[in-house]
């Protein structure tokens, strides 16, 4: 679907926050003709100036309240910890019948923070695009970021089905595969697939940094693919990930506990020379990797399957 101009789903879309996700949405919206006007706001004056300079949005506003005026769709693309404050600011300025969504990777905490500030008649459809790179800022976006990637929606029980369907179509025309999920289940799934792996990556890079017997130059010069992959993940936005772990605390701690148990089992197998246990374990985990590739969520190529244009 992506790359073909369609009838606009919304007259005016407001992007609150102009980092990787929002800037990629702006490019995809324009490329596919999905809205007539894109309004943008970023907290940073530098980001607003950059967005205006590169023509990322049709209009760039100093405040979120100004940006959402008359918007049919409002996208909250700010760190999870800032969602509630932004919702409080924009609530009185939202157009009746507007849809508000977000792109946070934690859902129940966002619902708890945002929903109380939205007036009756405004449709809240929380969302999470499972796509990204380690880059951030208005210049980091590209129109194909969401192509063939999952975008999870977690509608509330009282959600307006027409609003959900319109948002789904909008996202699908950016190239995303859209599925609906219950918020707390989403948070558990993402603790397994994203949050805990990021924490492990941060930890491994931290271990390398703290290990005095291995110099920084050796870490950089002799990095094998596994460690390079860890450093890419660990280069992600620290504000975003701080908020993710603080707001998805229970699910992340549960998965970390299970990870610790698995790690102890592997330590025991290595210590006792149990090659059969190690071989069986690695065979099982290798099959999961094959399943991800067969599902089209990555390729067998290095660098997470990303081409040079996407790095």
Protein backbone atom coordinates (compact mmCIF):
# COMPACT_ATOMS: atom_id res chain seq x y z
CA UNK A 1 0.00 0.00 0.00
CA UNK A 2 2.79 2.42 0.88
CA UNK A 3 4.07 4.68 -1.89
CA UNK A 4 0.66 5.14 -3.51
CA UNK A 5 -1.25 8.39 -2.99
CA UNK A 6 -4.65 7.79 -1.37
CA UNK A 7 -7.58 9.92 -0.31
CA UNK A 8 -6.64 11.58 3.00
CA UNK A 9 -7.81 9.76 6.13
CA UNK A 10 -7.59 12.98 8.16
CA UNK A 11 -7.74 16.64 7.24
CA UNK A 12 -5.25 17.72 9.90
CA UNK A 13 -2.76 15.59 11.85
CA UNK A 14 -0.84 16.99 14.81
CA UNK A 15 2.47 15.37 15.75
CA UNK A 16 3.48 16.17 19.33
CA UNK A 17 7.17 15.39 19.56
CA UNK A 18 9.31 15.37 16.42
CA UNK A 19 11.76 12.52 16.91
CA UNK A 20 12.33 9.38 14.83
CA UNK A 21 8.77 8.03 14.95
CA UNK A 22 6.95 11.33 14.38
CA UNK A 23 9.32 12.47 11.64
CA UNK A 24 8.96 9.10 9.90
CA UNK A 25 5.18 9.43 10.19
CA UNK A 26 5.38 12.89 8.61
CA UNK A 27 7.32 11.52 5.64
CA UNK A 28 4.98 8.53 5.25
CA UNK A 29 1.86 10.71 5.55
CA UNK A 30 3.09 13.07 2.87
CA UNK A 31 4.36 10.34 0.56
CA UNK A 32 1.04 8.52 0.69
CA UNK A 33 -1.31 11.53 0.78
CA UNK A 34 -2.86 10.49 4.11
CA UNK A 35 -3.58 14.00 5.47
CA UNK A 36 -4.05 17.47 4.05
CA UNK A 37 -2.08 19.27 6.77
CA UNK A 38 0.63 18.12 9.18
CA UNK A 39 1.12 20.27 12.27
CA UNK A 40 4.08 19.66 14.54
CA UNK A 41 5.40 20.61 17.93
CA UNK A 42 8.60 19.75 19.80
CA UNK A 43 9.60 20.82 23.29
CA UNK A 44 13.06 21.81 22.06
CA UNK A 45 13.35 25.12 20.16
CA UNK A 46 16.24 23.55 18.24
CA UNK A 47 14.06 20.65 17.09
CA UNK A 48 11.29 23.04 16.07
CA UNK A 49 13.78 25.11 14.06
CA UNK A 50 15.16 21.99 12.37
CA UNK A 51 11.66 20.75 11.52
CA UNK A 52 10.81 24.11 9.97
CA UNK A 53 14.11 24.24 8.08
CA UNK A 54 13.67 20.83 6.43
CA UNK A 55 9.93 21.29 5.81
CA UNK A 56 9.03 18.28 7.93
CA UNK A 57 5.57 19.67 8.77
CA UNK A 58 3.25 22.12 7.07
CA UNK A 59 3.26 24.16 10.28
CA UNK A 60 5.48 24.04 13.37
CA UNK A 61 4.10 25.39 16.66
CA UNK A 62 5.71 26.60 19.86
CA UNK A 63 3.18 24.84 22.07
CA UNK A 64 1.36 21.53 21.90
CA UNK A 65 -1.93 23.34 22.54
CA UNK A 66 -1.46 25.40 19.37
CA UNK A 67 -0.50 22.35 17.33
CA UNK A 68 -3.62 20.32 18.20
CA UNK A 69 -6.09 23.08 17.35
CA UNK A 70 -8.60 21.72 14.77
CA UNK A 71 -6.61 18.46 14.45
CA UNK A 72 -8.57 15.34 13.54
CA UNK A 73 -5.73 13.07 14.69
CA UNK A 74 -3.25 13.87 17.46
CA UNK A 75 -0.18 11.66 17.87
CA UNK A 76 1.65 11.81 21.20
CA UNK A 77 5.25 10.97 20.27
CA UNK A 78 6.94 12.02 23.50
CA UNK A 79 8.66 9.94 26.21
CA UNK A 80 6.23 7.83 28.20
CA UNK A 81 6.95 9.81 31.36
CA UNK A 82 5.84 13.05 29.67
CA UNK A 83 2.53 11.74 28.27
CA UNK A 84 0.35 12.81 31.17
CA UNK A 85 1.66 16.37 31.26
CA UNK A 86 1.18 16.78 27.51
CA UNK A 87 -2.34 15.33 27.67
CA UNK A 88 -3.21 17.79 30.43
CA UNK A 89 -1.99 20.68 28.27
CA UNK A 90 -3.81 19.71 25.09
CA UNK A 91 -7.05 18.37 26.63
CA UNK A 92 -8.97 21.68 26.64
CA UNK A 93 -7.90 22.43 23.06
CA UNK A 94 -8.90 19.16 21.39
CA UNK A 95 -11.52 19.22 18.67
CA UNK A 96 -14.73 17.25 19.45
CA UNK A 97 -14.58 13.95 17.58
CA UNK A 98 -10.78 14.02 17.30
CA UNK A 99 -8.74 10.86 17.77
CA UNK A 100 -5.74 10.83 20.08
CA UNK A 101 -3.14 8.08 19.84
CA UNK A 102 0.40 7.62 21.09
CA UNK A 103 3.54 5.72 20.11
CA UNK A 104 4.81 4.70 23.56
CA UNK A 105 6.17 1.20 24.06
CA UNK A 106 4.31 0.88 27.38
CA UNK A 107 0.55 0.95 27.24
CA UNK A 108 -1.19 0.61 30.61
CA UNK A 109 0.84 3.42 32.18
CA UNK A 110 0.11 5.66 29.21
CA UNK A 111 -3.61 4.93 29.44
CA UNK A 112 -3.58 5.75 33.16
CA UNK A 113 -1.70 9.01 32.53
CA UNK A 114 -3.51 10.26 29.42
CA UNK A 115 -7.15 9.15 29.57
CA UNK A 116 -8.19 11.31 32.58
CA UNK A 117 -7.22 14.49 30.70
CA UNK A 118 -9.19 13.86 27.50
CA UNK A 119 -12.65 15.43 27.26
CA UNK A 120 -15.81 13.49 26.35
CA UNK A 121 -16.21 13.08 22.61
CA UNK A 122 -12.48 12.66 21.98
CA UNK A 123 -11.47 9.13 20.98
CA UNK A 124 -8.34 7.71 22.65
CA UNK A 125 -6.75 4.78 20.80
CA UNK A 126 -3.37 3.94 22.34
CA UNK A 127 -0.79 2.55 19.94
CA UNK A 128 2.77 1.29 19.62
CA UNK A 129 4.77 0.95 16.39
CA UNK A 130 7.33 -1.83 16.73
CA UNK A 131 9.89 -0.11 14.56
CA UNK A 132 12.89 2.09 15.12
CA UNK A 133 16.58 2.76 14.86
CA UNK A 134 19.07 4.12 17.37
CA UNK A 135 18.80 7.58 15.80
CA UNK A 136 16.58 10.42 17.01
CA UNK A 137 15.53 13.95 16.12
CA UNK A 138 13.61 15.55 13.23
CA UNK A 139 16.25 14.57 10.66
CA UNK A 140 16.22 10.88 11.58
CA UNK A 141 12.89 9.90 10.03
CA UNK A 142 12.24 8.12 6.74
CA UNK A 143 8.98 7.15 5.06
CA UNK A 144 9.60 3.39 4.97
CA UNK A 145 10.30 2.92 8.70
CA UNK A 146 6.93 1.25 9.30
CA UNK A 147 6.76 -0.84 6.14
CA UNK A 148 6.06 -4.49 7.01
CA UNK A 149 6.43 -3.72 10.73
CA UNK A 150 3.79 -4.32 13.40
CA UNK A 151 1.81 -1.46 14.89
CA UNK A 152 -0.12 -2.59 17.95
CA UNK A 153 -3.30 -0.82 19.03
CA UNK A 154 -4.75 -1.25 22.52
CA UNK A 155 -8.24 0.31 22.35
CA UNK A 156 -10.13 0.86 25.58
CA UNK A 157 -13.28 -1.16 26.27
CA UNK A 158 -15.49 1.82 25.38
CA UNK A 159 -13.54 2.71 22.22
CA UNK A 160 -15.41 4.05 19.20
CA UNK A 161 -15.02 1.35 16.58
CA UNK A 162 -15.22 3.80 13.67
CA UNK A 163 -12.33 5.81 15.14
CA UNK A 164 -10.29 2.64 15.63
CA UNK A 165 -11.00 1.49 12.07
CA UNK A 166 -10.00 4.86 10.62
CA UNK A 167 -6.71 4.86 12.55
CA UNK A 168 -6.05 1.28 11.49
CA UNK A 169 -6.51 2.16 7.84
CA UNK A 170 -4.27 5.21 8.22
CA UNK A 171 -1.46 3.09 9.70
CA UNK A 172 -1.87 0.30 7.19
CA UNK A 173 -1.48 2.81 4.37
CA UNK A 174 1.89 3.73 5.86
CA UNK A 175 2.84 0.11 5.29
CA UNK A 176 2.33 -1.23 8.83
CA UNK A 177 0.69 -4.48 9.88
CA UNK A 178 -1.87 -3.57 12.55
CA UNK A 179 -3.12 -5.79 15.36
CA UNK A 180 -5.14 -5.10 18.51
CA UNK A 181 -4.05 -6.28 21.95
CA UNK A 182 -5.09 -5.90 25.57
CA UNK A 183 -2.87 -3.26 27.26
CA UNK A 184 -1.39 -5.33 30.13
CA UNK A 185 -0.72 -8.25 27.78
CA UNK A 186 1.03 -5.83 25.41
CA UNK A 187 3.28 -4.73 28.27
CA UNK A 188 4.25 -8.33 29.10
CA UNK A 189 4.93 -9.20 25.46
CA UNK A 190 7.12 -6.13 25.01
CA UNK A 191 8.98 -6.86 28.23
CA UNK A 192 10.07 -10.10 26.54
CA UNK A 193 10.71 -8.84 23.02
CA UNK A 194 12.07 -5.34 23.64
CA UNK A 195 12.39 -3.97 27.15
CA UNK A 196 14.45 -6.68 28.84
CA UNK A 197 16.73 -7.19 25.77
CA UNK A 198 17.47 -3.46 25.84
CA UNK A 199 18.33 -3.65 29.54
CA UNK A 200 20.63 -6.60 28.90
CA UNK A 201 22.31 -4.71 26.07
CA UNK A 202 22.88 -1.69 28.29
CA UNK A 203 24.31 -4.00 30.95
CA UNK A 204 26.72 -5.78 28.59
CA UNK A 205 28.07 -2.52 27.20
CA UNK A 206 28.42 -1.29 30.78
CA UNK A 207 30.36 -4.45 31.71
CA UNK A 208 32.77 -3.85 28.82
CA UNK A 209 33.21 -0.26 29.95
CA UNK A 210 33.93 -1.33 33.54
CA UNK A 211 36.29 -4.21 32.72
CA UNK A 212 39.66 -2.58 33.25
CA UNK A 213 41.66 -5.46 31.77
CA UNK A 214 40.06 -4.80 28.34
CA UNK A 215 40.85 -1.35 26.95
CA UNK A 216 38.37 0.91 25.20
CA UNK A 217 40.44 0.70 22.01
CA UNK A 218 40.28 -3.12 22.06
CA UNK A 219 36.52 -3.10 22.59
CA UNK A 220 36.09 -0.80 19.59
CA UNK A 221 38.71 -2.41 17.34
CA UNK A 222 37.81 -6.05 17.90
CA UNK A 223 34.04 -5.82 18.34
CA UNK A 224 32.34 -8.93 16.99
CA UNK A 225 28.84 -8.81 15.56
CA UNK A 226 27.14 -9.67 18.86
CA UNK A 227 28.73 -6.81 20.79
CA UNK A 228 28.20 -4.37 17.90
CA UNK A 229 24.51 -5.24 17.99
CA UNK A 230 24.47 -4.58 21.73
CA UNK A 231 26.07 -1.16 21.25
CA UNK A 232 23.49 -0.22 18.62
CA UNK A 233 20.69 -1.01 21.04
CA UNK A 234 22.48 0.72 23.92
CA UNK A 235 22.77 3.90 21.83
CA UNK A 236 18.99 4.40 22.01
CA UNK A 237 17.42 7.47 23.61
CA UNK A 238 18.20 7.31 27.38
CA UNK A 239 15.16 9.39 28.37
CA UNK A 240 12.79 7.10 26.52
CA UNK A 241 14.26 3.94 28.03
CA UNK A 242 14.42 5.34 31.55
CA UNK A 243 10.68 6.01 31.32
CA UNK A 244 9.96 2.59 29.80
CA UNK A 245 11.56 0.72 32.69
CA UNK A 246 9.96 2.90 35.35
CA UNK A 247 6.48 2.56 33.84
CA UNK A 248 6.64 -1.13 32.88
CA UNK A 249 8.31 -2.14 36.13
CA UNK A 250 6.35 -5.30 37.03
CA UNK A 251 6.52 -7.00 33.64
CA UNK A 252 10.20 -6.16 33.18
CA UNK A 253 11.11 -7.46 36.66
CA UNK A 254 9.19 -10.68 35.98
CA UNK A 255 11.12 -11.31 32.75
CA UNK A 256 14.42 -10.31 34.38
CA UNK A 257 13.76 -12.90 37.08
CA UNK A 258 13.19 -15.58 34.47
CA UNK A 259 16.29 -14.43 32.58
CA UNK A 260 18.36 -14.74 35.75
CA UNK A 261 17.14 -18.31 36.25
CA UNK A 262 18.08 -19.21 32.68
CA UNK A 263 21.48 -17.55 33.08
CA UNK A 264 22.20 -19.56 36.23
CA UNK A 265 21.29 -22.76 34.36
CA UNK A 266 23.72 -21.88 31.58
CA UNK A 267 26.43 -21.02 34.11
CA UNK A 268 25.95 -24.43 35.70
CA UNK A 269 26.14 -26.18 32.30
CA UNK A 270 29.38 -24.39 31.44
CA UNK A 271 30.90 -25.01 34.87
CA UNK A 272 30.08 -28.74 34.79
CA UNK A 273 31.00 -29.19 31.13
CA UNK A 274 27.48 -30.22 30.14
CA UNK A 275 27.86 -29.81 26.38
CA UNK A 276 24.61 -31.63 25.63
CA UNK A 277 22.58 -29.13 27.66
CA UNK A 278 24.29 -26.19 25.93
CA UNK A 279 23.77 -27.71 22.48
CA UNK A 280 20.08 -28.38 23.13
CA UNK A 281 19.55 -24.87 24.49
CA UNK A 282 21.25 -23.17 21.53
CA UNK A 283 19.35 -25.37 19.08
CA UNK A 284 16.05 -24.26 20.60
CA UNK A 285 16.94 -20.56 20.54
CA UNK A 286 18.24 -20.84 16.97
CA UNK A 287 14.80 -22.06 15.90
CA UNK A 288 13.25 -18.87 17.31
CA UNK A 289 15.62 -16.80 15.17
CA UNK A 290 14.59 -18.75 12.06
CA UNK A 291 10.94 -18.11 12.92
CA UNK A 292 11.54 -14.34 13.07
CA UNK A 293 13.19 -14.39 9.64
CA UNK A 294 10.45 -16.59 8.14
CA UNK A 295 7.81 -14.17 9.53
CA UNK A 296 9.43 -11.36 7.54
CA UNK A 297 10.42 -9.36 10.66
CA UNK A 298 14.13 -9.46 9.80
CA UNK A 299 16.52 -10.90 7.25
CA UNK A 300 19.54 -13.13 7.57
CA UNK A 301 21.73 -10.15 6.59
CA UNK A 302 23.99 -8.54 9.22
CA UNK A 303 23.23 -5.23 10.99
CA UNK A 304 19.68 -6.31 11.92
CA UNK A 305 18.73 -6.64 8.25
CA UNK A 306 18.95 -2.89 7.66
CA UNK A 307 20.35 -1.56 4.40
CA UNK A 308 22.90 1.23 4.27
CA UNK A 309 20.17 3.82 3.64
CA UNK A 310 18.49 2.94 6.94
CA UNK A 311 21.52 2.97 9.26
